[in-house]
N, C-alpha and C. Protein backbone atom coordinates (compact mmCIF):
# COMPACT_ATOMS: atom_id res chain seq x y z
N UNK A 1 72.44 182.66 199.02
CA UNK A 1 73.12 181.42 199.28
C UNK A 1 72.78 180.44 198.17
N UNK A 2 73.79 179.80 197.61
CA UNK A 2 73.48 178.86 196.54
C UNK A 2 72.98 177.55 197.13
N UNK A 3 72.08 176.94 196.41
CA UNK A 3 71.53 175.67 196.87
C UNK A 3 72.40 174.53 196.37
N UNK A 4 72.35 173.41 197.06
CA UNK A 4 73.12 172.26 196.66
C UNK A 4 72.29 171.48 195.65
N UNK A 5 72.81 171.39 194.43
CA UNK A 5 72.13 170.62 193.39
C UNK A 5 72.72 169.23 193.35
N UNK A 6 71.88 168.25 193.05
CA UNK A 6 72.33 166.87 192.99
C UNK A 6 72.72 166.51 191.57
N UNK A 7 73.48 165.44 191.48
CA UNK A 7 73.88 164.89 190.20
C UNK A 7 72.63 164.48 189.42
N UNK A 8 72.64 164.69 188.11
CA UNK A 8 71.49 164.36 187.27
C UNK A 8 71.37 162.87 186.97
N UNK A 9 72.41 162.10 187.24
CA UNK A 9 72.36 160.67 186.95
C UNK A 9 71.37 159.98 187.89
N UNK A 10 70.69 158.99 187.37
CA UNK A 10 69.67 158.26 188.15
C UNK A 10 70.28 157.64 189.39
N UNK A 11 69.59 157.75 190.49
CA UNK A 11 69.94 157.15 191.78
C UNK A 11 71.23 157.71 192.39
N UNK A 12 71.78 158.75 191.83
CA UNK A 12 72.98 159.37 192.42
C UNK A 12 72.54 160.54 193.28
N UNK A 13 72.96 160.54 194.53
CA UNK A 13 72.57 161.61 195.45
C UNK A 13 73.74 162.52 195.81
N UNK A 14 74.86 162.38 195.09
CA UNK A 14 76.02 163.23 195.36
C UNK A 14 75.78 164.65 194.86
N UNK A 15 76.50 165.58 195.44
CA UNK A 15 76.39 166.99 195.03
C UNK A 15 77.02 167.18 193.66
N UNK A 16 76.37 167.99 192.84
CA UNK A 16 76.88 168.28 191.50
C UNK A 16 78.06 169.23 191.59
N UNK A 17 79.08 168.98 190.73
CA UNK A 17 80.26 169.85 190.70
C UNK A 17 80.56 170.31 189.28
N UNK A 18 79.88 169.75 188.28
CA UNK A 18 80.14 170.09 186.89
C UNK A 18 78.82 170.13 186.12
N UNK A 19 78.83 170.85 185.00
CA UNK A 19 77.66 170.93 184.14
C UNK A 19 78.03 170.44 182.75
N UNK A 20 77.20 169.55 182.22
CA UNK A 20 77.40 168.97 180.90
C UNK A 20 76.38 169.56 179.94
N UNK A 21 76.86 170.05 178.81
CA UNK A 21 75.97 170.52 177.76
C UNK A 21 76.44 169.91 176.44
N UNK A 22 75.53 169.84 175.51
CA UNK A 22 75.84 169.26 174.20
C UNK A 22 75.75 170.33 173.13
N UNK A 23 76.71 170.30 172.19
CA UNK A 23 76.67 171.14 171.00
C UNK A 23 76.44 170.17 169.85
N UNK A 24 75.18 170.00 169.50
CA UNK A 24 74.82 168.99 168.50
C UNK A 24 75.40 169.29 167.14
N UNK A 25 75.49 170.55 166.76
CA UNK A 25 76.00 170.92 165.44
C UNK A 25 77.46 170.50 165.27
N UNK A 26 78.23 170.50 166.38
CA UNK A 26 79.65 170.14 166.31
C UNK A 26 79.91 168.74 166.84
N UNK A 27 78.89 168.01 167.22
CA UNK A 27 79.04 166.67 167.84
C UNK A 27 80.02 166.72 169.00
N UNK A 28 79.78 167.68 169.91
CA UNK A 28 80.67 167.90 171.04
C UNK A 28 79.88 167.92 172.34
N UNK A 29 80.44 167.25 173.35
CA UNK A 29 79.90 167.32 174.71
C UNK A 29 80.85 168.22 175.50
N UNK A 30 80.33 169.27 176.10
CA UNK A 30 81.16 170.23 176.84
C UNK A 30 80.91 170.03 178.32
N UNK A 31 81.98 169.73 179.05
CA UNK A 31 81.92 169.52 180.48
C UNK A 31 82.69 170.64 181.16
N UNK A 32 81.97 171.48 181.90
CA UNK A 32 82.60 172.63 182.53
C UNK A 32 82.23 172.73 184.00
N UNK A 33 82.65 173.81 184.64
CA UNK A 33 82.31 174.00 186.05
C UNK A 33 80.81 174.12 186.23
N UNK A 34 80.34 173.89 187.43
CA UNK A 34 78.91 173.93 187.73
C UNK A 34 78.34 175.30 187.40
N UNK A 35 77.29 175.31 186.59
CA UNK A 35 76.65 176.57 186.22
C UNK A 35 75.97 177.18 187.43
N UNK A 36 75.87 178.49 187.44
CA UNK A 36 75.23 179.17 188.57
C UNK A 36 73.76 178.82 188.67
N UNK A 37 73.10 178.66 187.53
CA UNK A 37 71.67 178.33 187.51
C UNK A 37 71.48 177.04 186.74
N UNK A 38 70.54 176.24 187.18
CA UNK A 38 70.21 175.01 186.47
C UNK A 38 69.49 175.36 185.18
N UNK A 39 69.93 174.80 184.08
CA UNK A 39 69.32 175.04 182.77
C UNK A 39 68.58 173.79 182.33
N UNK A 40 67.50 173.93 181.59
CA UNK A 40 66.71 172.75 181.22
C UNK A 40 67.44 171.80 180.27
N UNK A 41 68.38 172.28 179.45
CA UNK A 41 69.05 171.41 178.47
C UNK A 41 70.50 171.14 178.85
N UNK A 42 70.79 171.15 180.13
CA UNK A 42 72.11 170.81 180.62
C UNK A 42 71.97 169.81 181.77
N UNK A 43 73.05 169.16 182.10
CA UNK A 43 73.02 168.11 183.11
C UNK A 43 74.10 168.41 184.15
N UNK A 44 73.72 168.38 185.41
CA UNK A 44 74.67 168.57 186.50
C UNK A 44 75.21 167.20 186.90
N UNK A 45 76.53 167.10 187.04
CA UNK A 45 77.16 165.83 187.36
C UNK A 45 78.03 165.96 188.60
N UNK A 46 78.10 164.89 189.38
CA UNK A 46 79.01 164.84 190.53
C UNK A 46 80.43 164.58 190.00
N UNK A 47 81.42 164.65 190.88
CA UNK A 47 82.81 164.47 190.46
C UNK A 47 83.04 163.09 189.85
N UNK A 48 82.46 162.07 190.43
CA UNK A 48 82.65 160.70 189.92
C UNK A 48 82.10 160.56 188.50
N UNK A 49 80.90 161.01 188.27
CA UNK A 49 80.30 160.89 186.94
C UNK A 49 80.96 161.83 185.93
N UNK A 50 81.44 162.97 186.37
CA UNK A 50 82.14 163.89 185.47
C UNK A 50 83.46 163.27 184.99
N UNK A 51 84.16 162.58 185.87
CA UNK A 51 85.43 161.95 185.50
C UNK A 51 85.23 160.77 184.56
N UNK A 52 84.14 160.02 184.74
CA UNK A 52 83.89 158.82 183.95
C UNK A 52 83.13 159.10 182.66
N UNK A 53 82.81 160.35 182.37
CA UNK A 53 82.00 160.69 181.22
C UNK A 53 82.67 160.27 179.91
N UNK A 54 81.93 159.60 179.06
CA UNK A 54 82.37 159.29 177.70
C UNK A 54 81.29 159.77 176.75
N UNK A 55 81.69 160.03 175.51
CA UNK A 55 80.74 160.51 174.50
C UNK A 55 80.50 159.41 173.48
N UNK A 56 79.41 159.51 172.74
CA UNK A 56 79.15 158.53 171.69
C UNK A 56 80.26 158.53 170.63
N UNK A 57 80.35 157.44 169.90
CA UNK A 57 81.36 157.33 168.85
C UNK A 57 81.18 158.48 167.85
N UNK A 58 82.29 159.13 167.52
CA UNK A 58 82.25 160.25 166.59
C UNK A 58 82.09 161.60 167.27
N UNK A 59 81.83 161.59 168.56
CA UNK A 59 81.68 162.82 169.31
C UNK A 59 82.98 163.12 170.06
N UNK A 60 83.18 164.39 170.36
CA UNK A 60 84.35 164.83 171.12
C UNK A 60 83.88 165.34 172.48
N UNK A 61 84.66 165.05 173.53
CA UNK A 61 84.38 165.59 174.86
C UNK A 61 85.36 166.73 175.12
N UNK A 62 84.84 167.90 175.36
CA UNK A 62 85.65 169.07 175.67
C UNK A 62 85.54 169.32 177.17
N UNK A 63 86.64 169.10 177.88
CA UNK A 63 86.68 169.30 179.33
C UNK A 63 87.32 170.66 179.61
N UNK A 64 86.55 171.54 180.21
CA UNK A 64 87.04 172.89 180.49
C UNK A 64 87.87 172.96 181.76
N UNK A 65 87.75 171.94 182.59
CA UNK A 65 88.54 171.85 183.83
C UNK A 65 89.09 170.43 183.91
N UNK A 66 90.37 170.27 184.29
CA UNK A 66 90.92 168.92 184.36
C UNK A 66 90.34 168.07 185.49
N UNK A 67 90.03 168.68 186.62
CA UNK A 67 89.48 167.96 187.76
C UNK A 67 88.31 168.74 188.33
N UNK A 68 87.31 168.00 188.76
CA UNK A 68 86.13 168.62 189.36
C UNK A 68 86.05 168.19 190.80
N UNK A 69 86.10 169.15 191.70
CA UNK A 69 86.01 168.86 193.13
C UNK A 69 84.93 169.75 193.74
N UNK A 70 84.26 169.19 194.74
CA UNK A 70 83.26 169.97 195.45
C UNK A 70 83.97 171.02 196.29
N UNK A 71 83.72 172.28 195.98
CA UNK A 71 84.38 173.37 196.70
C UNK A 71 83.80 173.58 198.09
N UNK A 72 82.61 173.06 198.34
CA UNK A 72 81.98 173.27 199.64
C UNK A 72 81.44 174.68 199.73
N UNK A 73 80.90 175.03 200.88
CA UNK A 73 80.31 176.36 201.02
C UNK A 73 81.39 177.44 201.04
N UNK A 74 81.09 178.56 200.41
CA UNK A 74 82.01 179.70 200.41
C UNK A 74 81.71 180.58 201.63
N UNK A 75 82.60 181.50 201.95
CA UNK A 75 82.32 182.42 203.06
C UNK A 75 81.01 183.19 202.86
N UNK A 76 80.68 183.52 201.61
CA UNK A 76 79.42 184.22 201.33
C UNK A 76 78.23 183.33 201.67
N UNK A 77 78.33 182.04 201.36
CA UNK A 77 77.25 181.11 201.67
C UNK A 77 77.05 181.01 203.18
N UNK A 78 78.16 180.92 203.90
CA UNK A 78 78.06 180.79 205.36
C UNK A 78 77.50 182.06 205.99
N UNK A 79 77.88 183.22 205.46
CA UNK A 79 77.34 184.48 205.97
C UNK A 79 75.84 184.57 205.71
N UNK A 80 75.42 184.17 204.52
CA UNK A 80 73.99 184.21 204.18
C UNK A 80 73.21 183.26 205.08
N UNK A 81 73.78 182.09 205.35
CA UNK A 81 73.11 181.14 206.23
C UNK A 81 72.99 181.70 207.64
N UNK A 82 74.06 182.32 208.15
CA UNK A 82 74.03 182.91 209.49
C UNK A 82 72.99 184.03 209.56
N UNK A 83 72.92 184.86 208.52
CA UNK A 83 71.93 185.94 208.49
C UNK A 83 70.51 185.38 208.48
N UNK A 84 70.29 184.31 207.73
CA UNK A 84 68.95 183.70 207.68
C UNK A 84 68.56 183.12 209.03
N UNK A 85 69.51 182.52 209.74
CA UNK A 85 69.22 181.96 211.06
C UNK A 85 68.91 183.08 212.04
N UNK A 86 69.68 184.17 211.99
CA UNK A 86 69.42 185.31 212.87
C UNK A 86 68.03 185.89 212.61
N UNK A 87 67.67 186.04 211.33
CA UNK A 87 66.37 186.61 210.97
C UNK A 87 65.24 185.71 211.44
N UNK A 88 65.41 184.39 211.28
CA UNK A 88 64.37 183.45 211.71
C UNK A 88 64.22 183.43 213.22
N UNK A 89 65.29 183.73 213.95
CA UNK A 89 65.25 183.69 215.41
C UNK A 89 64.75 184.96 216.06
N UNK A 90 64.55 186.00 215.28
CA UNK A 90 64.07 187.26 215.85
C UNK A 90 62.65 187.09 216.38
N UNK A 91 62.39 187.70 217.53
CA UNK A 91 61.05 187.67 218.11
C UNK A 91 60.22 188.74 217.42
N UNK A 92 59.12 188.32 216.87
CA UNK A 92 58.25 189.27 216.18
C UNK A 92 57.06 189.58 217.09
N UNK A 93 56.90 190.83 217.39
CA UNK A 93 55.77 191.25 218.22
C UNK A 93 54.65 191.69 217.29
N UNK A 94 53.44 191.26 217.59
CA UNK A 94 52.32 191.69 216.74
C UNK A 94 52.12 193.19 216.86
N UNK A 95 51.65 193.77 215.78
CA UNK A 95 51.39 195.21 215.78
C UNK A 95 50.29 195.52 216.79
N UNK A 96 50.49 196.58 217.54
CA UNK A 96 49.50 196.96 218.56
C UNK A 96 48.25 197.50 217.87
N UNK A 97 47.12 197.03 218.32
CA UNK A 97 45.86 197.50 217.77
C UNK A 97 45.43 198.76 218.52
N UNK A 98 44.78 199.66 217.80
CA UNK A 98 44.28 200.85 218.49
C UNK A 98 43.27 200.44 219.57
N UNK A 99 43.19 201.23 220.62
CA UNK A 99 42.28 200.91 221.72
C UNK A 99 40.82 201.04 221.31
N UNK A 100 40.55 201.65 220.17
CA UNK A 100 39.16 201.84 219.74
C UNK A 100 38.67 200.67 218.88
N UNK A 101 39.44 199.56 218.80
CA UNK A 101 39.06 198.40 218.00
C UNK A 101 38.72 197.24 218.93
N UNK A 102 37.61 196.55 218.63
CA UNK A 102 37.16 195.42 219.44
C UNK A 102 37.01 194.20 218.54
N UNK A 103 37.47 193.05 219.02
CA UNK A 103 37.30 191.81 218.29
C UNK A 103 35.89 191.30 218.53
N UNK A 104 35.14 191.06 217.44
CA UNK A 104 33.75 190.61 217.59
C UNK A 104 33.58 189.13 217.27
N UNK A 105 34.44 188.55 216.47
CA UNK A 105 34.31 187.12 216.13
C UNK A 105 35.68 186.60 215.71
N UNK A 106 35.81 185.28 215.77
CA UNK A 106 37.06 184.64 215.37
C UNK A 106 36.71 183.32 214.70
N UNK A 107 37.40 183.04 213.61
CA UNK A 107 37.24 181.76 212.92
C UNK A 107 38.64 181.32 212.47
N UNK A 108 39.19 180.35 213.19
CA UNK A 108 40.55 179.91 212.90
C UNK A 108 41.52 181.04 213.20
N UNK A 109 42.31 181.39 212.22
CA UNK A 109 43.28 182.47 212.41
C UNK A 109 42.72 183.84 211.98
N UNK A 110 41.49 183.87 211.49
CA UNK A 110 40.89 185.12 211.05
C UNK A 110 40.09 185.75 212.19
N UNK A 111 40.12 187.09 212.24
CA UNK A 111 39.38 187.80 213.27
C UNK A 111 38.53 188.88 212.63
N UNK A 112 37.37 189.11 213.19
CA UNK A 112 36.51 190.20 212.75
C UNK A 112 36.68 191.31 213.77
N UNK A 113 37.10 192.49 213.29
CA UNK A 113 37.33 193.62 214.17
C UNK A 113 36.30 194.70 213.87
N UNK A 114 35.92 195.41 214.93
CA UNK A 114 34.95 196.50 214.77
C UNK A 114 35.48 197.69 215.55
N UNK A 115 35.40 198.83 214.93
CA UNK A 115 35.77 200.06 215.62
C UNK A 115 34.66 200.38 216.61
N UNK A 116 35.02 200.86 217.78
CA UNK A 116 34.03 201.14 218.82
C UNK A 116 32.99 202.18 218.39
N UNK A 117 33.37 203.09 217.51
CA UNK A 117 32.42 204.11 217.09
C UNK A 117 31.58 203.62 215.88
N UNK A 118 31.79 202.38 215.42
CA UNK A 118 31.03 201.83 214.30
C UNK A 118 29.78 201.15 214.83
N UNK A 119 28.63 201.66 214.53
CA UNK A 119 27.37 201.13 215.04
C UNK A 119 26.57 200.39 213.96
N UNK A 120 27.15 200.27 212.77
CA UNK A 120 26.43 199.63 211.67
C UNK A 120 26.52 198.11 211.73
N UNK A 121 27.24 197.53 212.66
CA UNK A 121 27.39 196.08 212.74
C UNK A 121 26.24 195.55 213.45
């Protein structure tokens, strides 16, 4: 399931829908669809900031998509979420201990176990 990334602009809490990268050699800012993975030298932008993007004088803005809209969760995302909820809701039974094991001490969540035939304790 993909996580919801926020816009990189300060104080903006909207979901990111586009990724901005710079090609310094060509003086170009490239604005494209949201990348699958966050990259350290790219910026995720919400629809509002992607539409209002301007580049410095002498730079060109290359827009790979005319409009950026939040697509929302896909059917795959919803299926993954449902599977995660089902997995978290499963009742987990502790593994049965052999009858020849005895608990001798406990400290927090840790237990000291001794086999009944072990006399070296």
